[in-house]
Amino acid sequence: MSFYSEHILPHLIGLACSTRPIMKQREKIVPRAQGRVLEIGLGAGPNLAFYDPRKVERVFGLEPSAGMRRKAAKAVAAAPTPVELIDLPGEEIPLDDASVDTVVLTYTLCSIDAFEPALAQMRRVLKPSGALLFCEHGAAPDPGVARWQDRLNPLWRAVAGGCNLNRPIPTLLENAGFKIADLETMYLPNSPKFASFNYWGSASPR
């Protein structure tokens, strides 16, 4: 890992992923989690305060970046539920088949290089009766915005830790064997349109 990716990028991502509009989005999704929870891409732990301790037994926080795990230490210590950190990427989830009740995926699917095997792993560990809760930015429906996303994506990926502007989130979930149960979308306020089209909702394994 480079100095930039381990010491500078975590701070930039932490700031970008904790703006007021994004925290409002997290607040819509995370409290719906229950039981044994697997959070993919824990980051600096901005979701942890939103888990309901009356419903959540334990959170397994998967975060491959040592820099992000260091930033998450304070949030983990203050979390209302027990948190167990997993320092592996999404395609290497060390949990048993059908062993979690909820998978939480917030502003992470945009930056997983091997997203197909990662989604397959999420589906593997999720109980048949479980839910994948997601809140992600991605491909915009407006042709003009979408063109700008495609143009800017190579530069954006280079400076934003592999984040992609233009991934069609619902399509990726459906192609991975999930059925969308509910879905809402909008551009986040006070944010550039090319980076602010959000999808959020839940899906179940087919």
C-alpha atoms as a PDB file:
ATOM      1  CA  MET A   1       0.000   0.000   0.000  1.00  0.00           C
ATOM      2  CA  SER A   2       1.233   3.516  -0.825  1.00  0.00           C
ATOM      3  CA  PHE A   3       1.576   6.319   1.710  1.00  0.00           C
ATOM      4  CA  TYR A   4      -1.273   8.133  -0.062  1.00  0.00           C
ATOM      5  CA  SER A   5      -3.669   5.182   0.123  1.00  0.00           C
ATOM      6  CA  GLU A   6      -2.932   4.353   3.771  1.00  0.00           C
ATOM      7  CA  HIS A   7      -2.438   7.785   5.357  1.00  0.00           C
ATOM      8  CA  ILE A   8      -4.008  10.496   3.182  1.00  0.00           C
ATOM      9  CA  LEU A   9      -6.863   8.760   1.348  1.00  0.00           C
ATOM     10  CA  PRO A  10      -8.562   7.475   4.546  1.00  0.00           C
ATOM     11  CA  HIS A  11      -8.916  11.063   5.784  1.00  0.00           C
ATOM     12  CA  LEU A  12     -10.295  12.247   2.441  1.00  0.00           C
ATOM     13  CA  ILE A  13     -12.761   9.366   2.248  1.00  0.00           C
ATOM     14  CA  GLY A  14     -13.752   9.873   5.876  1.00  0.00           C
ATOM     15  CA  LEU A  15     -14.605  13.509   5.164  1.00  0.00           C
ATOM     16  CA  ALA A  16     -16.424  12.777   1.896  1.00  0.00           C
ATOM     17  CA  CYS A  17     -18.467   9.956   3.411  1.00  0.00           C
ATOM     18  CA  SER A  18     -19.598  11.912   6.465  1.00  0.00           C
ATOM     19  CA  THR A  19     -21.142  14.992   4.873  1.00  0.00           C
ATOM     20  CA  ARG A  20     -24.597  15.915   6.137  1.00  0.00           C
ATOM     21  CA  PRO A  21     -26.508  14.632   3.050  1.00  0.00           C
ATOM     22  CA  ILE A  22     -24.679  11.301   3.144  1.00  0.00           C
ATOM     23  CA  MET A  23     -25.202  10.882   6.883  1.00  0.00           C
ATOM     24  CA  LYS A  24     -28.921  11.503   6.312  1.00  0.00           C
ATOM     25  CA  GLN A  25     -28.883   8.652   3.800  1.00  0.00           C
ATOM     26  CA  ARG A  26     -27.142   6.335   6.253  1.00  0.00           C
ATOM     27  CA  GLU A  27     -29.765   7.181   8.855  1.00  0.00           C
ATOM     28  CA  LYS A  28     -32.495   5.955   6.483  1.00  0.00           C
ATOM     29  CA  ILE A  29     -30.941   2.512   6.008  1.00  0.00           C
ATOM     30  CA  VAL A  30     -28.763   1.382   8.912  1.00  0.00           C
ATOM     31  CA  PRO A  31     -31.448   1.331  11.665  1.00  0.00           C
ATOM     32  CA  ARG A  32     -33.298  -1.315   9.624  1.00  0.00           C
ATOM     33  CA  ALA A  33     -30.519  -3.857  10.331  1.00  0.00           C
ATOM     34  CA  GLN A  34     -31.193  -6.689  12.752  1.00  0.00           C
ATOM     35  CA  GLY A  35     -29.649  -9.841  14.177  1.00  0.00           C
ATOM     36  CA  ARG A  36     -26.116 -10.710  13.136  1.00  0.00           C
ATOM     37  CA  VAL A  37     -24.981  -7.966  10.766  1.00  0.00           C
ATOM     38  CA  LEU A  38     -22.191  -7.947   8.205  1.00  0.00           C
ATOM     39  CA  GLU A  39     -21.174  -4.444   7.158  1.00  0.00           C
ATOM     40  CA  ILE A  40     -19.096  -4.362   3.988  1.00  0.00           C
ATOM     41  CA  GLY A  41     -16.556  -1.532   3.946  1.00  0.00           C
ATOM     42  CA  LEU A  42     -16.783  -0.312   7.522  1.00  0.00           C
ATOM     43  CA  GLY A  43     -14.515   2.630   6.700  1.00  0.00           C
ATOM     44  CA  ALA A  44     -14.162   5.035   9.610  1.00  0.00           C
ATOM     45  CA  GLY A  45     -17.324   3.588  11.169  1.00  0.00           C
ATOM     46  CA  PRO A  46     -19.891   6.300  10.309  1.00  0.00           C
ATOM     47  CA  ASN A  47     -22.727   3.748  10.362  1.00  0.00           C
ATOM     48  CA  LEU A  48     -22.022   2.353  13.814  1.00  0.00           C
ATOM     49  CA  ALA A  49     -23.956   4.961  15.773  1.00  0.00           C
ATOM     50  CA  PHE A  50     -27.113   4.184  13.759  1.00  0.00           C
ATOM     51  CA  TYR A  51     -27.411   0.492  14.694  1.00  0.00           C
ATOM     52  CA  ASP A  52     -30.295  -0.235  17.059  1.00  0.00           C
ATOM     53  CA  PRO A  53     -28.917  -2.249  20.023  1.00  0.00           C
ATOM     54  CA  ARG A  54     -32.419  -3.591  20.694  1.00  0.00           C
ATOM     55  CA  LYS A  55     -32.380  -5.359  17.310  1.00  0.00           C
ATOM     56  CA  VAL A  56     -28.706  -5.982  16.490  1.00  0.00           C
ATOM     57  CA  GLU A  57     -26.786  -8.791  18.176  1.00  0.00           C
ATOM     58  CA  ARG A  58     -23.342  -8.147  16.643  1.00  0.00           C
ATOM     59  CA  VAL A  59     -21.777  -6.262  13.754  1.00  0.00           C
ATOM     60  CA  PHE A  60     -19.011  -7.862  11.700  1.00  0.00           C
ATOM     61  CA  GLY A  61     -17.240  -4.891  10.125  1.00  0.00           C
ATOM     62  CA  LEU A  62     -15.262  -5.878   7.047  1.00  0.00           C
ATOM     63  CA  GLU A  63     -12.563  -3.321   6.201  1.00  0.00           C
ATOM     64  CA  PRO A  64      -9.386  -4.260   4.284  1.00  0.00           C
ATOM     65  CA  SER A  65      -7.614  -0.898   4.728  1.00  0.00           C
ATOM     66  CA  ALA A  66      -5.399  -0.619   7.798  1.00  0.00           C
ATOM     67  CA  GLY A  67      -5.662   3.169   7.558  1.00  0.00           C
ATOM     68  CA  MET A  68      -9.458   3.048   7.671  1.00  0.00           C
ATOM     69  CA  ARG A  69      -9.427   0.558  10.556  1.00  0.00           C
ATOM     70  CA  ARG A  70      -7.250   2.979  12.529  1.00  0.00           C
ATOM     71  CA  LYS A  71      -9.738   5.771  11.830  1.00  0.00           C
ATOM     72  CA  ALA A  72     -12.612   3.504  12.910  1.00  0.00           C
ATOM     73  CA  ALA A  73     -11.142   2.738  16.353  1.00  0.00           C
ATOM     74  CA  LYS A  74     -12.980   5.552  18.144  1.00  0.00           C
ATOM     75  CA  ALA A  75     -16.328   4.745  16.517  1.00  0.00           C
ATOM     76  CA  VAL A  76     -15.912   1.030  17.284  1.00  0.00           C
ATOM     77  CA  ALA A  77     -15.210   1.795  20.949  1.00  0.00           C
ATOM     78  CA  ALA A  78     -18.322   3.990  21.177  1.00  0.00           C
ATOM     79  CA  ALA A  79     -20.626   1.687  19.173  1.00  0.00           C
ATOM     80  CA  PRO A  80     -23.933   0.724  20.833  1.00  0.00           C
ATOM     81  CA  THR A  81     -23.500  -2.886  19.674  1.00  0.00           C
ATOM     82  CA  PRO A  82     -20.532  -5.311  19.747  1.00  0.00           C
ATOM     83  CA  VAL A  83     -18.288  -4.886  16.680  1.00  0.00           C
ATOM     84  CA  GLU A  84     -15.846  -7.450  15.330  1.00  0.00           C
ATOM     85  CA  LEU A  85     -13.416  -6.148  12.700  1.00  0.00           C
ATOM     86  CA  ILE A  86     -12.468  -8.296   9.705  1.00  0.00           C
ATOM     87  CA  ASP A  87      -9.383  -7.122   7.833  1.00  0.00           C
ATOM     88  CA  LEU A  88     -10.129  -8.827   4.511  1.00  0.00           C
ATOM     89  CA  PRO A  89     -11.630  -7.669   1.190  1.00  0.00           C
ATOM     90  CA  GLY A  90     -15.243  -8.328   0.236  1.00  0.00           C
ATOM     91  CA  GLU A  91     -14.440 -11.377  -1.857  1.00  0.00           C
ATOM     92  CA  GLU A  92     -12.895 -13.123   1.188  1.00  0.00           C
ATOM     93  CA  ILE A  93     -15.615 -13.096   3.841  1.00  0.00           C
ATOM     94  CA  PRO A  94     -14.598 -15.588   6.595  1.00  0.00           C
ATOM     95  CA  LEU A  95     -18.126 -16.350   7.796  1.00  0.00           C
ATOM     96  CA  ASP A  96     -20.215 -19.497   7.439  1.00  0.00           C
ATOM     97  CA  ASP A  97     -22.900 -19.944   4.803  1.00  0.00           C
ATOM     98  CA  ALA A  98     -26.285 -18.435   5.763  1.00  0.00           C
ATOM     99  CA  SER A  99     -24.871 -17.099   9.040  1.00  0.00           C
ATOM    100  CA  VAL A 100     -25.912 -13.427   9.007  1.00  0.00           C
ATOM    101  CA  ASP A 101     -29.341 -11.829   9.113  1.00  0.00           C
ATOM    102  CA  THR A 102     -28.424  -8.525   7.478  1.00  0.00           C
ATOM    103  CA  VAL A 103     -25.741  -7.321   5.075  1.00  0.00           C
ATOM    104  CA  VAL A 104     -25.190  -3.550   5.090  1.00  0.00           C
ATOM    105  CA  LEU A 105     -23.636  -1.995   1.997  1.00  0.00           C
ATOM    106  CA  THR A 106     -23.239   1.798   2.086  1.00  0.00           C
ATOM    107  CA  TYR A 107     -21.057   3.763  -0.345  1.00  0.00           C
ATOM    108  CA  THR A 108     -18.858   0.705  -0.876  1.00  0.00           C
ATOM    109  CA  LEU A 109     -19.981  -1.130  -4.011  1.00  0.00           C
ATOM    110  CA  CYS A 110     -18.655   1.768  -6.096  1.00  0.00           C
ATOM    111  CA  SER A 111     -15.069   0.944  -5.120  1.00  0.00           C
ATOM    112  CA  ILE A 112     -14.872  -2.874  -4.940  1.00  0.00           C
ATOM    113  CA  ASP A 113     -12.779  -3.968  -7.933  1.00  0.00           C
ATOM    114  CA  ALA A 114     -13.885  -7.610  -7.833  1.00  0.00           C
ATOM    115  CA  PHE A 115     -17.516  -6.751  -7.151  1.00  0.00           C
ATOM    116  CA  GLU A 116     -18.960  -9.919  -8.702  1.00  0.00           C
ATOM    117  CA  PRO A 117     -17.188 -12.390  -6.352  1.00  0.00           C
ATOM    118  CA  ALA A 118     -17.750  -9.965  -3.454  1.00  0.00           C
ATOM    119  CA  LEU A 119     -21.507  -9.913  -4.069  1.00  0.00           C
ATOM    120  CA  ALA A 120     -21.471 -13.698  -4.414  1.00  0.00           C
ATOM    121  CA  GLN A 121     -19.851 -13.901  -0.970  1.00  0.00           C
ATOM    122  CA  MET A 122     -22.471 -11.566   0.508  1.00  0.00           C
ATOM    123  CA  ARG A 123     -25.205 -13.763  -0.909  1.00  0.00           C
ATOM    124  CA  ARG A 124     -23.477 -16.884   0.436  1.00  0.00           C
ATOM    125  CA  VAL A 125     -23.305 -15.670   4.052  1.00  0.00           C
ATOM    126  CA  LEU A 126     -26.792 -14.089   4.086  1.00  0.00           C
ATOM    127  CA  LYS A 127     -29.633 -16.234   5.394  1.00  0.00           C
ATOM    128  CA  PRO A 128     -32.392 -17.016   2.858  1.00  0.00           C
ATOM    129  CA  SER A 129     -34.733 -14.945   5.040  1.00  0.00           C
ATOM    130  CA  GLY A 130     -32.191 -12.145   5.437  1.00  0.00           C
ATOM    131  CA  ALA A 131     -31.901  -8.706   3.852  1.00  0.00           C
ATOM    132  CA  LEU A 132     -29.182  -6.790   2.075  1.00  0.00           C
ATOM    133  CA  LEU A 133     -29.599  -3.097   2.937  1.00  0.00           C
ATOM    134  CA  PHE A 134     -27.903  -0.773   0.492  1.00  0.00           C
ATOM    135  CA  CYS A 135     -27.271   2.919  -0.007  1.00  0.00           C
ATOM    136  CA  GLU A 136     -24.940   3.670  -2.890  1.00  0.00           C
ATOM    137  CA  HIS A 137     -24.161   6.350  -5.446  1.00  0.00           C
ATOM    138  CA  GLY A 138     -23.959   5.361  -9.082  1.00  0.00           C
ATOM    139  CA  ALA A 139     -25.072   5.781 -12.668  1.00  0.00           C
ATOM    140  CA  ALA A 140     -27.446   8.700 -13.165  1.00  0.00           C
ATOM    141  CA  PRO A 141     -30.610   8.310 -15.294  1.00  0.00           C
ATOM    142  CA  ASP A 142     -30.146  11.632 -17.102  1.00  0.00           C
ATOM    143  CA  PRO A 143     -28.156  11.166 -20.337  1.00  0.00           C
ATOM    144  CA  GLY A 144     -26.210  14.414 -19.948  1.00  0.00           C
ATOM    145  CA  VAL A 145     -25.126  13.584 -16.395  1.00  0.00           C
ATOM    146  CA  ALA A 146     -24.335   9.996 -17.371  1.00  0.00           C
ATOM    147  CA  ARG A 147     -22.037  11.185 -20.163  1.00  0.00           C
ATOM    148  CA  TRP A 148     -20.100  13.327 -17.700  1.00  0.00           C
ATOM    149  CA  GLN A 149     -19.847  10.395 -15.304  1.00  0.00           C
ATOM    150  CA  ASP A 150     -18.312   8.256 -18.050  1.00  0.00           C
ATOM    151  CA  ARG A 151     -15.868  11.009 -19.040  1.00  0.00           C
ATOM    152  CA  LEU A 152     -14.737  11.761 -15.505  1.00  0.00           C
ATOM    153  CA  ASN A 153     -14.645   8.195 -14.200  1.00  0.00           C
ATOM    154  CA  PRO A 154     -10.994   7.350 -15.053  1.00  0.00           C
ATOM    155  CA  LEU A 155      -9.679  10.472 -13.283  1.00  0.00           C
ATOM    156  CA  TRP A 156     -12.115  10.042 -10.398  1.00  0.00           C
ATOM    157  CA  ARG A 157     -11.010   6.437  -9.862  1.00  0.00           C
ATOM    158  CA  ALA A 158      -7.367   7.508  -9.742  1.00  0.00           C
ATOM    159  CA  VAL A 159      -7.838  10.128  -7.015  1.00  0.00           C
ATOM    160  CA  ALA A 160     -10.736   8.589  -5.059  1.00  0.00           C
ATOM    161  CA  GLY A 161      -9.376   5.198  -4.116  1.00  0.00           C
ATOM    162  CA  GLY A 162     -10.910   3.259  -7.004  1.00  0.00           C
ATOM    163  CA  CYS A 163     -14.399   4.743  -6.598  1.00  0.00           C
ATOM    164  CA  ASN A 164     -16.545   4.522  -9.747  1.00  0.00           C
ATOM    165  CA  LEU A 165     -19.118   7.171 -10.605  1.00  0.00           C
ATOM    166  CA  ASN A 166     -21.141   5.149 -13.093  1.00  0.00           C
ATOM    167  CA  ARG A 167     -21.994   1.718 -11.731  1.00  0.00           C
ATOM    168  CA  PRO A 168     -25.675   0.687 -12.193  1.00  0.00           C
ATOM    169  CA  ILE A 169     -26.224  -0.482  -8.619  1.00  0.00           C
ATOM    170  CA  PRO A 170     -29.625  -2.250  -8.916  1.00  0.00           C
ATOM    171  CA  THR A 171     -28.455  -4.127 -12.012  1.00  0.00           C
ATOM    172  CA  LEU A 172     -25.308  -5.316 -10.244  1.00  0.00           C
ATOM    173  CA  LEU A 173     -27.360  -6.604  -7.311  1.00  0.00           C
ATOM    174  CA  GLU A 174     -29.882  -8.386  -9.531  1.00  0.00           C
ATOM    175  CA  ASN A 175     -27.136  -9.966 -11.645  1.00  0.00           C
ATOM    176  CA  ALA A 176     -25.580 -11.296  -8.429  1.00  0.00           C
ATOM    177  CA  GLY A 177     -28.732 -13.188  -7.461  1.00  0.00           C
ATOM    178  CA  PHE A 178     -30.546 -10.637  -5.321  1.00  0.00           C
ATOM    179  CA  LYS A 179     -34.153  -9.534  -5.712  1.00  0.00           C
ATOM    180  CA  ILE A 180     -34.794  -5.848  -5.090  1.00  0.00           C
ATOM    181  CA  ALA A 181     -37.531  -5.523  -2.445  1.00  0.00           C
ATOM    182  CA  ASP A 182     -37.695  -1.730  -2.299  1.00  0.00           C
ATOM    183  CA  LEU A 183     -35.756   1.012  -4.061  1.00  0.00           C
ATOM    184  CA  GLU A 184     -35.644   4.787  -3.893  1.00  0.00           C
ATOM    185  CA  THR A 185     -33.451   7.208  -5.817  1.00  0.00           C
ATOM    186  CA  MET A 186     -32.522  10.885  -5.893  1.00  0.00           C
ATOM    187  CA  TYR A 187     -29.705  13.353  -6.411  1.00  0.00           C
ATOM    188  CA  LEU A 188     -28.305  14.395  -3.041  1.00  0.00           C
ATOM    189  CA  PRO A 189     -28.719  18.113  -2.321  1.00  0.00           C
ATOM    190  CA  ASN A 190     -25.778  20.521  -2.388  1.00  0.00           C
ATOM    191  CA  SER A 191     -23.615  18.035  -4.296  1.00  0.00           C
ATOM    192  CA  PRO A 192     -22.378  17.868  -7.900  1.00  0.00           C
ATOM    193  CA  LYS A 193     -24.807  15.815  -9.964  1.00  0.00           C
ATOM    194  CA  PHE A 194     -22.111  13.633 -11.508  1.00  0.00           C
ATOM    195  CA  ALA A 195     -21.266  12.234  -8.047  1.00  0.00           C
ATOM    196  CA  SER A 196     -24.554  12.439  -6.197  1.00  0.00           C
ATOM    197  CA  PHE A 197     -27.156  10.149  -7.750  1.00  0.00           C
ATOM    198  CA  ASN A 198     -28.154   7.795  -4.915  1.00  0.00           C
ATOM    199  CA  TYR A 199     -29.927   4.441  -4.794  1.00  0.00           C
ATOM    200  CA  TRP A 200     -31.132   3.029  -1.490  1.00  0.00           C
ATOM    201  CA  GLY A 201     -33.348   0.197  -0.343  1.00  0.00           C
ATOM    202  CA  SER A 202     -33.226  -3.510   0.386  1.00  0.00           C
ATOM    203  CA  ALA A 203     -32.811  -6.783  -1.466  1.00  0.00           C
ATOM    204  CA  SER A 204     -33.171 -10.460  -0.631  1.00  0.00           C
ATOM    205  CA  PRO A 205     -31.311 -13.508  -1.967  1.00  0.00           C
ATOM    206  CA  ARG A 206     -33.163 -15.311  -4.760  1.00  0.00           C
END
